Each structure stands twice: as C-alpha cells, then as structure tokens.
Amino acid sequence: LPVGALRVEFSQPVNLEEVARINPEVEAGGRFAPKDCIALQKVAIIIPFRNREEHLKYWLYYLHPILQRQQLDYGVYVINQDGEEEFNRAKLLNIGFAEALKEYDYDCFVFSDVDLIPMDDRNTYKCYSQPRHLSVSMDKFGFRLPYNQYFGGVSALSKEQFTKINGFPNNYWGWGGEDDDIYNRLVFKGMGISRPDAVIGKCRMIRHSRDRKNEPNPER
C-alpha cells in the first residue's frame, strides 16, 4: 500500500539489472497485475522518448515500486522517436495509445515525460471522471503550478476521454505547445481538469540540457 512522501534522488546511477532484481513481480515488457485483488483499472503508461536512457532507468527504478503499491494492473510503453527530425511528443503519445490497445484492453492511459518522478505515492496513476493532471507541483517551477491551464508533464485520460477529443495534435514539432492545445481540446468538449493537492502532486525533474531537434516550438 502507498507510504506517502518519498525521497527521490538522482545522485547514484541505476542499472536495469537492479530494476529487475527489486521488481520480481513485474513481467517482461513492463507488465504487472496484483495477485491478491482485481485492479479497478487497466492502465497503460505511455512515455515519449528519445536519447534519454539514463532518465528512463531512474523512471523505472522509482515508478515500478510505486505503481505496484498502488495495486494497478499496468503496462509501460516507451515510444521511441528514431531519426533526426524535430521531436513530436504528442504524435508519440497517439502512437502509444494505439499500440498499447493492440496488446491489452486498457481503459486508462497515463502520459508521462521520462524525466518526471512523483515524490508521493498517494498520487495515484489512474483515471478519474475528469481528465487528471498529475504533475501539479514540480521542483522546476518552485513546486507551484506555472499557470492554471497547465496540463504538461504527467496526465491521465480514460480511453473514453482520449477518444472524445480525437487524440492529441500531431502538428507540434519541437518543445512545447501541445499540452496547451490538449487542454483546449478538453475544455472544448466540456471536460474539466482534476488535480491532486500541491503536496501529493509534488514531482522532481531530472535535470538535463535541451536536446538538439527539441528546441522550443516558435508557434507555441
């Protein structure tokens, strides 16, 4: 069961062998289902990815134990963008949604940047009656919401909510802009945003320099 506030550090490197060793119940491909209960939701966690191997190791190291304590029936999908084109986060999330459904009857989708780690395991990675913004207070922003419409970082949409907005916009190349577009789509379809409180919604960001081919989108 969840334990509450967590100590999240990035000073010591982690490797995938260690991740596998401390998570013996997680199956190949990042799948887990609790043995002693039937999970209320089937959750696909979609991570847009390119050239972030060290960040992914930290994400797996911290998130697998958290997700198991939350007793989720979940799978992790890392959607890698190949080549040298500008990064397209939203398109990768759309691909992850489609590919995950080919494997399992997921009814909830958590879309997470690879560099964000929750600092409290009561911040449940599941879906709610309204779209859920999970990364409410990041250290990057001084543990406060940068603006009320912010929907970036980590969010959760049910299959029905995602389908209602026809997925995410494919036309945002480079960094930024797509999360505001997603917020507008949700509002246009009559949905609101739910959030945990600022304490439970704390996240740490793994520091990094901006990737080449992921410069800020000038049209955001």
C-alpha atoms as a PDB file:
ATOM      1  CA  LEU A   1       0.000   0.000   0.000  1.00  0.00           C
ATOM      2  CA  PRO A   2       1.137   3.609  -0.539  1.00  0.00           C
ATOM      3  CA  VAL A   3       3.507   5.035   2.067  1.00  0.00           C
ATOM      4  CA  GLY A   4       3.209   8.776   1.322  1.00  0.00           C
ATOM      5  CA  ALA A   5       6.112  11.170   0.785  1.00  0.00           C
ATOM      6  CA  LEU A   6       9.162   9.656  -0.901  1.00  0.00           C
ATOM      7  CA  ARG A   7      12.838  10.535  -1.043  1.00  0.00           C
ATOM      8  CA  VAL A   8      13.752  10.969  -4.699  1.00  0.00           C
ATOM      9  CA  GLU A   9      17.420  11.411  -5.607  1.00  0.00           C
ATOM     10  CA  PHE A  10      19.449  11.204  -8.795  1.00  0.00           C
ATOM     11  CA  SER A  11      22.983  11.225  -7.368  1.00  0.00           C
ATOM     12  CA  GLN A  12      23.625   7.477  -7.745  1.00  0.00           C
ATOM     13  CA  PRO A  13      23.372   5.793 -11.165  1.00  0.00           C
ATOM     14  CA  VAL A  14      20.974   2.861 -11.517  1.00  0.00           C
ATOM     15  CA  ASN A  15      21.018  -0.031 -13.971  1.00  0.00           C
ATOM     16  CA  LEU A  16      18.311  -2.201 -15.461  1.00  0.00           C
ATOM     17  CA  GLU A  17      19.587  -5.333 -13.700  1.00  0.00           C
ATOM     18  CA  GLU A  18      18.943  -3.657 -10.349  1.00  0.00           C
ATOM     19  CA  VAL A  19      15.488  -2.538 -11.506  1.00  0.00           C
ATOM     20  CA  ALA A  20      14.648  -6.137 -12.472  1.00  0.00           C
ATOM     21  CA  ARG A  21      16.043  -7.522  -9.202  1.00  0.00           C
ATOM     22  CA  ILE A  22      13.918  -5.312  -6.946  1.00  0.00           C
ATOM     23  CA  ASN A  23      10.756  -5.842  -9.016  1.00  0.00           C
ATOM     24  CA  PRO A  24      10.483  -9.641  -9.403  1.00  0.00           C
ATOM     25  CA  GLU A  25       6.707  -9.494  -9.912  1.00  0.00           C
ATOM     26  CA  VAL A  26       6.992  -7.262 -12.993  1.00  0.00           C
ATOM     27  CA  GLU A  27       6.852  -9.335 -16.164  1.00  0.00           C
ATOM     28  CA  ALA A  28       8.915  -8.840 -19.303  1.00  0.00           C
ATOM     29  CA  GLY A  29       7.694  -5.822 -21.211  1.00  0.00           C
ATOM     30  CA  GLY A  30       6.888  -3.885 -18.033  1.00  0.00           C
ATOM     31  CA  ARG A  31       3.579  -5.605 -17.193  1.00  0.00           C
ATOM     32  CA  PHE A  32       2.186  -6.114 -13.717  1.00  0.00           C
ATOM     33  CA  ALA A  33      -1.141  -7.107 -12.191  1.00  0.00           C
ATOM     34  CA  PRO A  34      -1.745  -7.591  -8.453  1.00  0.00           C
ATOM     35  CA  LYS A  35      -2.113 -11.205  -7.347  1.00  0.00           C
ATOM     36  CA  ASP A  36      -4.358 -10.660  -4.327  1.00  0.00           C
ATOM     37  CA  CYS A  37      -7.038  -8.427  -5.842  1.00  0.00           C
ATOM     38  CA  ILE A  38      -8.608  -7.402  -9.129  1.00  0.00           C
ATOM     39  CA  ALA A  39      -7.427  -3.919 -10.075  1.00  0.00           C
ATOM     40  CA  LEU A  40     -10.180  -1.392 -10.721  1.00  0.00           C
ATOM     41  CA  GLN A  41      -8.471  -0.064 -13.854  1.00  0.00           C
ATOM     42  CA  LYS A  42      -6.165  -1.340 -16.571  1.00  0.00           C
ATOM     43  CA  VAL A  43      -3.565   1.382 -17.002  1.00  0.00           C
ATOM     44  CA  ALA A  44      -1.179   1.911 -19.911  1.00  0.00           C
ATOM     45  CA  ILE A  45       1.661   4.305 -19.113  1.00  0.00           C
ATOM     46  CA  ILE A  46       2.958   5.963 -22.274  1.00  0.00           C
ATOM     47  CA  ILE A  47       6.405   7.597 -22.285  1.00  0.00           C
ATOM     48  CA  PRO A  48       7.550   9.640 -25.315  1.00  0.00           C
ATOM     49  CA  PHE A  49      11.257   9.018 -25.704  1.00  0.00           C
ATOM     50  CA  ARG A  50      14.491   9.831 -27.481  1.00  0.00           C
ATOM     51  CA  ASN A  51      18.082   9.670 -26.210  1.00  0.00           C
ATOM     52  CA  ARG A  52      17.153   9.595 -22.533  1.00  0.00           C
ATOM     53  CA  GLU A  53      18.449   6.184 -21.423  1.00  0.00           C
ATOM     54  CA  GLU A  54      19.737   7.367 -18.033  1.00  0.00           C
ATOM     55  CA  HIS A  55      16.461   9.144 -17.281  1.00  0.00           C
ATOM     56  CA  LEU A  56      14.477   6.048 -18.219  1.00  0.00           C
ATOM     57  CA  LYS A  57      16.488   3.945 -15.765  1.00  0.00           C
ATOM     58  CA  TYR A  58      15.606   6.349 -12.928  1.00  0.00           C
ATOM     59  CA  TRP A  59      11.960   6.397 -14.037  1.00  0.00           C
ATOM     60  CA  LEU A  60      11.742   2.596 -13.989  1.00  0.00           C
ATOM     61  CA  TYR A  61      13.653   2.395 -10.694  1.00  0.00           C
ATOM     62  CA  TYR A  62      11.228   4.710  -8.890  1.00  0.00           C
ATOM     63  CA  LEU A  63       7.939   4.111 -10.704  1.00  0.00           C
ATOM     64  CA  HIS A  64       7.690   0.318 -10.783  1.00  0.00           C
ATOM     65  CA  PRO A  65       7.584   0.034  -6.955  1.00  0.00           C
ATOM     66  CA  ILE A  66       5.150   2.968  -6.727  1.00  0.00           C
ATOM     67  CA  LEU A  67       2.774   1.538  -9.330  1.00  0.00           C
ATOM     68  CA  GLN A  68       2.796  -1.871  -7.635  1.00  0.00           C
ATOM     69  CA  ARG A  69       1.980  -0.328  -4.249  1.00  0.00           C
ATOM     70  CA  GLN A  70      -0.928   1.437  -5.943  1.00  0.00           C
ATOM     71  CA  GLN A  71      -2.166  -2.051  -6.962  1.00  0.00           C
ATOM     72  CA  LEU A  72      -2.567  -1.158 -10.611  1.00  0.00           C
ATOM     73  CA  ASP A  73      -2.941  -3.583 -13.484  1.00  0.00           C
ATOM     74  CA  TYR A  74      -0.471  -1.736 -15.680  1.00  0.00           C
ATOM     75  CA  GLY A  75       1.921  -1.828 -18.605  1.00  0.00           C
ATOM     76  CA  VAL A  76       4.729   0.595 -19.501  1.00  0.00           C
ATOM     77  CA  TYR A  77       5.190   1.641 -23.127  1.00  0.00           C
ATOM     78  CA  VAL A  78       8.278   3.610 -24.147  1.00  0.00           C
ATOM     79  CA  ILE A  79       7.610   5.137 -27.563  1.00  0.00           C
ATOM     80  CA  ASN A  80      10.944   5.961 -29.191  1.00  0.00           C
ATOM     81  CA  GLN A  81      11.284   8.527 -31.978  1.00  0.00           C
ATOM     82  CA  ASP A  82      14.026   7.458 -34.363  1.00  0.00           C
ATOM     83  CA  GLY A  83      15.959   9.674 -36.746  1.00  0.00           C
ATOM     84  CA  GLU A  84      16.948  13.329 -36.600  1.00  0.00           C
ATOM     85  CA  GLU A  85      13.607  15.075 -37.137  1.00  0.00           C
ATOM     86  CA  GLU A  86      12.249  17.578 -34.623  1.00  0.00           C
ATOM     87  CA  PHE A  87      10.780  15.787 -31.606  1.00  0.00           C
ATOM     88  CA  ASN A  88       6.994  15.334 -31.695  1.00  0.00           C
ATOM     89  CA  ARG A  89       5.764  14.450 -28.206  1.00  0.00           C
ATOM     90  CA  ALA A  90       2.034  14.399 -28.942  1.00  0.00           C
ATOM     91  CA  LYS A  91       2.360  12.184 -32.003  1.00  0.00           C
ATOM     92  CA  LEU A  92       4.361   9.681 -29.947  1.00  0.00           C
ATOM     93  CA  LEU A  93       1.593   9.675 -27.329  1.00  0.00           C
ATOM     94  CA  ASN A  94      -1.005   8.954 -30.025  1.00  0.00           C
ATOM     95  CA  ILE A  95       1.123   6.061 -31.281  1.00  0.00           C
ATOM     96  CA  GLY A  96       1.470   4.727 -27.739  1.00  0.00           C
ATOM     97  CA  PHE A  97      -2.300   4.803 -27.230  1.00  0.00           C
ATOM     98  CA  ALA A  98      -2.895   2.820 -30.435  1.00  0.00           C
ATOM     99  CA  GLU A  99      -0.088   0.304 -29.863  1.00  0.00           C
ATOM    100  CA  ALA A 100      -0.975  -0.384 -26.218  1.00  0.00           C
ATOM    101  CA  LEU A 101      -4.559  -1.250 -27.169  1.00  0.00           C
ATOM    102  CA  LYS A 102      -3.250  -3.900 -29.561  1.00  0.00           C
ATOM    103  CA  GLU A 103      -1.795  -5.745 -26.567  1.00  0.00           C
ATOM    104  CA  TYR A 104      -4.418  -5.402 -23.836  1.00  0.00           C
ATOM    105  CA  ASP A 105      -7.835  -3.958 -23.113  1.00  0.00           C
ATOM    106  CA  TYR A 106      -6.599  -0.847 -21.319  1.00  0.00           C
ATOM    107  CA  ASP A 107      -9.222   1.616 -20.107  1.00  0.00           C
ATOM    108  CA  CYS A 108      -6.883   4.277 -18.672  1.00  0.00           C
ATOM    109  CA  PHE A 109      -3.833   5.995 -20.164  1.00  0.00           C
ATOM    110  CA  VAL A 110      -1.180   7.896 -18.235  1.00  0.00           C
ATOM    111  CA  PHE A 111       1.048  10.040 -20.433  1.00  0.00           C
ATOM    112  CA  SER A 112       4.345  10.796 -18.704  1.00  0.00           C
ATOM    113  CA  ASP A 113       7.532  12.618 -19.604  1.00  0.00           C
ATOM    114  CA  VAL A 114      10.518  10.398 -18.849  1.00  0.00           C
ATOM    115  CA  ASP A 115      12.201  12.986 -16.616  1.00  0.00           C
ATOM    116  CA  LEU A 116       9.420  13.410 -14.021  1.00  0.00           C
ATOM    117  CA  ILE A 117       9.310  11.358 -10.810  1.00  0.00           C
ATOM    118  CA  PRO A 118       6.444  11.688  -8.291  1.00  0.00           C
ATOM    119  CA  MET A 119       7.517  12.489  -4.731  1.00  0.00           C
ATOM    120  CA  ASP A 120       4.422  10.971  -3.086  1.00  0.00           C
ATOM    121  CA  ASP A 121       2.967   7.567  -3.948  1.00  0.00           C
ATOM    122  CA  ARG A 122      -0.532   8.694  -2.941  1.00  0.00           C
ATOM    123  CA  ASN A 123      -0.546  10.484  -6.307  1.00  0.00           C
ATOM    124  CA  THR A 124      -2.271   7.547  -7.976  1.00  0.00           C
ATOM    125  CA  TYR A 125      -1.514   6.950 -11.648  1.00  0.00           C
ATOM    126  CA  LYS A 126      -5.087   6.174 -12.629  1.00  0.00           C
ATOM    127  CA  CYS A 127      -8.049   7.833 -14.358  1.00  0.00           C
ATOM    128  CA  TYR A 128     -10.875   9.855 -12.878  1.00  0.00           C
ATOM    129  CA  SER A 129     -14.264  11.130 -14.004  1.00  0.00           C
ATOM    130  CA  GLN A 130     -12.447  14.163 -15.458  1.00  0.00           C
ATOM    131  CA  PRO A 131      -9.030  14.252 -17.147  1.00  0.00           C
ATOM    132  CA  ARG A 132      -6.359  14.219 -14.450  1.00  0.00           C
ATOM    133  CA  HIS A 133      -3.237  16.387 -14.300  1.00  0.00           C
ATOM    134  CA  LEU A 134      -0.810  14.522 -12.044  1.00  0.00           C
ATOM    135  CA  SER A 135       2.396  16.630 -12.093  1.00  0.00           C
ATOM    136  CA  VAL A 136       0.902  19.559 -10.208  1.00  0.00           C
ATOM    137  CA  SER A 137       3.911  20.986  -8.361  1.00  0.00           C
ATOM    138  CA  MET A 138       7.327  20.394  -9.930  1.00  0.00           C
ATOM    139  CA  ASP A 139      10.613  21.463  -8.387  1.00  0.00           C
ATOM    140  CA  LYS A 140      11.376  23.085 -11.763  1.00  0.00           C
ATOM    141  CA  PHE A 141       8.559  25.595 -11.122  1.00  0.00           C
ATOM    142  CA  GLY A 142       9.222  26.057  -7.399  1.00  0.00           C
ATOM    143  CA  PHE A 143       6.567  23.449  -6.514  1.00  0.00           C
ATOM    144  CA  ARG A 144       3.703  25.531  -7.837  1.00  0.00           C
ATOM    145  CA  LEU A 145       1.517  25.361 -10.924  1.00  0.00           C
ATOM    146  CA  PRO A 146       3.031  27.661 -13.596  1.00  0.00           C
ATOM    147  CA  TYR A 147      -0.452  28.672 -14.812  1.00  0.00           C
ATOM    148  CA  ASN A 148      -3.983  27.375 -14.255  1.00  0.00           C
ATOM    149  CA  GLN A 149      -4.351  25.845 -17.722  1.00  0.00           C
ATOM    150  CA  TYR A 150      -1.070  23.919 -17.477  1.00  0.00           C
ATOM    151  CA  PHE A 151      -1.530  20.268 -18.492  1.00  0.00           C
ATOM    152  CA  GLY A 152       2.063  19.239 -19.216  1.00  0.00           C
ATOM    153  CA  GLY A 153       4.350  16.667 -17.641  1.00  0.00           C
ATOM    154  CA  VAL A 154       2.152  13.786 -16.468  1.00  0.00           C
ATOM    155  CA  SER A 155      -1.560  13.437 -17.213  1.00  0.00           C
ATOM    156  CA  ALA A 156      -4.190  10.695 -17.212  1.00  0.00           C
ATOM    157  CA  LEU A 157      -7.118  10.245 -19.583  1.00  0.00           C
ATOM    158  CA  SER A 158      -9.560   7.384 -19.800  1.00  0.00           C
ATOM    159  CA  LYS A 159      -9.967   5.676 -23.139  1.00  0.00           C
ATOM    160  CA  GLU A 160     -13.319   7.433 -23.489  1.00  0.00           C
ATOM    161  CA  GLN A 161     -11.869  10.878 -22.694  1.00  0.00           C
ATOM    162  CA  PHE A 162      -8.992  10.416 -25.145  1.00  0.00           C
ATOM    163  CA  THR A 163     -11.325   9.274 -27.908  1.00  0.00           C
ATOM    164  CA  LYS A 164     -13.720  12.154 -27.239  1.00  0.00           C
ATOM    165  CA  ILE A 165     -11.015  14.707 -28.162  1.00  0.00           C
ATOM    166  CA  ASN A 166      -9.832  12.589 -31.119  1.00  0.00           C
ATOM    167  CA  GLY A 167      -6.434  12.095 -29.504  1.00  0.00           C
ATOM    168  CA  PHE A 168      -3.665  14.652 -29.357  1.00  0.00           C
ATOM    169  CA  PRO A 169      -2.490  17.165 -32.027  1.00  0.00           C
ATOM    170  CA  ASN A 170       0.117  15.798 -34.447  1.00  0.00           C
ATOM    171  CA  ASN A 171       1.393  19.158 -35.685  1.00  0.00           C
ATOM    172  CA  TYR A 172       3.604  20.318 -32.781  1.00  0.00           C
ATOM    173  CA  TRP A 173       7.263  19.725 -33.657  1.00  0.00           C
ATOM    174  CA  GLY A 174       9.897  20.738 -31.125  1.00  0.00           C
ATOM    175  CA  TRP A 175       9.382  21.511 -27.452  1.00  0.00           C
ATOM    176  CA  GLY A 176       6.138  22.907 -26.089  1.00  0.00           C
ATOM    177  CA  GLY A 177       2.664  23.953 -27.147  1.00  0.00           C
ATOM    178  CA  GLU A 178       0.958  20.594 -27.466  1.00  0.00           C
ATOM    179  CA  ASP A 179      -0.113  20.438 -23.810  1.00  0.00           C
ATOM    180  CA  ASP A 180      -1.948  23.768 -24.089  1.00  0.00           C
ATOM    181  CA  ASP A 181      -3.655  22.508 -27.251  1.00  0.00           C
ATOM    182  CA  ILE A 182      -4.708  19.340 -25.410  1.00  0.00           C
ATOM    183  CA  TYR A 183      -6.122  21.445 -22.560  1.00  0.00           C
ATOM    184  CA  ASN A 184      -8.146  23.486 -25.067  1.00  0.00           C
ATOM    185  CA  ARG A 185      -9.477  20.317 -26.709  1.00  0.00           C
ATOM    186  CA  LEU A 186     -10.667  19.004 -23.352  1.00  0.00           C
ATOM    187  CA  VAL A 187     -12.405  22.267 -22.450  1.00  0.00           C
ATOM    188  CA  PHE A 188     -13.987  22.478 -25.907  1.00  0.00           C
ATOM    189  CA  LYS A 189     -15.517  19.042 -25.313  1.00  0.00           C
ATOM    190  CA  GLY A 190     -16.971  20.158 -21.981  1.00  0.00           C
ATOM    191  CA  MET A 191     -14.470  18.475 -19.682  1.00  0.00           C
ATOM    192  CA  GLY A 192     -12.645  19.956 -16.701  1.00  0.00           C
ATOM    193  CA  ILE A 193      -9.260  19.158 -15.209  1.00  0.00           C
ATOM    194  CA  SER A 194      -8.906  17.413 -11.840  1.00  0.00           C
ATOM    195  CA  ARG A 195      -5.690  17.530  -9.825  1.00  0.00           C
ATOM    196  CA  PRO A 196      -4.286  16.187  -6.559  1.00  0.00           C
ATOM    197  CA  ASP A 197      -3.343  18.809  -3.994  1.00  0.00           C
ATOM    198  CA  ALA A 198       0.032  20.534  -4.245  1.00  0.00           C
ATOM    199  CA  VAL A 199       1.644  18.320  -1.592  1.00  0.00           C
ATOM    200  CA  ILE A 200       0.595  14.952  -3.005  1.00  0.00           C
ATOM    201  CA  GLY A 201       1.191  16.247  -6.545  1.00  0.00           C
ATOM    202  CA  LYS A 202       4.882  17.079  -5.990  1.00  0.00           C
ATOM    203  CA  CYS A 203       7.338  15.893  -8.663  1.00  0.00           C
ATOM    204  CA  ARG A 204      11.078  16.070  -9.201  1.00  0.00           C
ATOM    205  CA  MET A 205      12.540  16.665 -12.627  1.00  0.00           C
ATOM    206  CA  ILE A 206      15.798  15.045 -13.705  1.00  0.00           C
ATOM    207  CA  ARG A 207      17.967  17.925 -14.869  1.00  0.00           C
ATOM    208  CA  HIS A 208      19.169  17.885 -18.459  1.00  0.00           C
ATOM    209  CA  SER A 209      20.195  20.171 -21.287  1.00  0.00           C
ATOM    210  CA  ARG A 210      17.810  20.760 -24.170  1.00  0.00           C
ATOM    211  CA  ASP A 211      18.162  18.155 -26.915  1.00  0.00           C
ATOM    212  CA  ARG A 212      19.139  19.131 -30.379  1.00  0.00           C
ATOM    213  CA  LYS A 213      15.990  18.811 -32.516  1.00  0.00           C
ATOM    214  CA  ASN A 214      13.820  19.561 -29.486  1.00  0.00           C
ATOM    215  CA  GLU A 215      14.109  23.341 -29.481  1.00  0.00           C
ATOM    216  CA  PRO A 216      11.140  25.401 -28.265  1.00  0.00           C
ATOM    217  CA  ASN A 217       8.305  25.457 -30.776  1.00  0.00           C
ATOM    218  CA  PRO A 218       8.126  29.060 -32.104  1.00  0.00           C
ATOM    219  CA  GLU A 219       4.350  28.719 -32.598  1.00  0.00           C
ATOM    220  CA  ARG A 220       3.507  27.673 -29.030  1.00  0.00           C
END
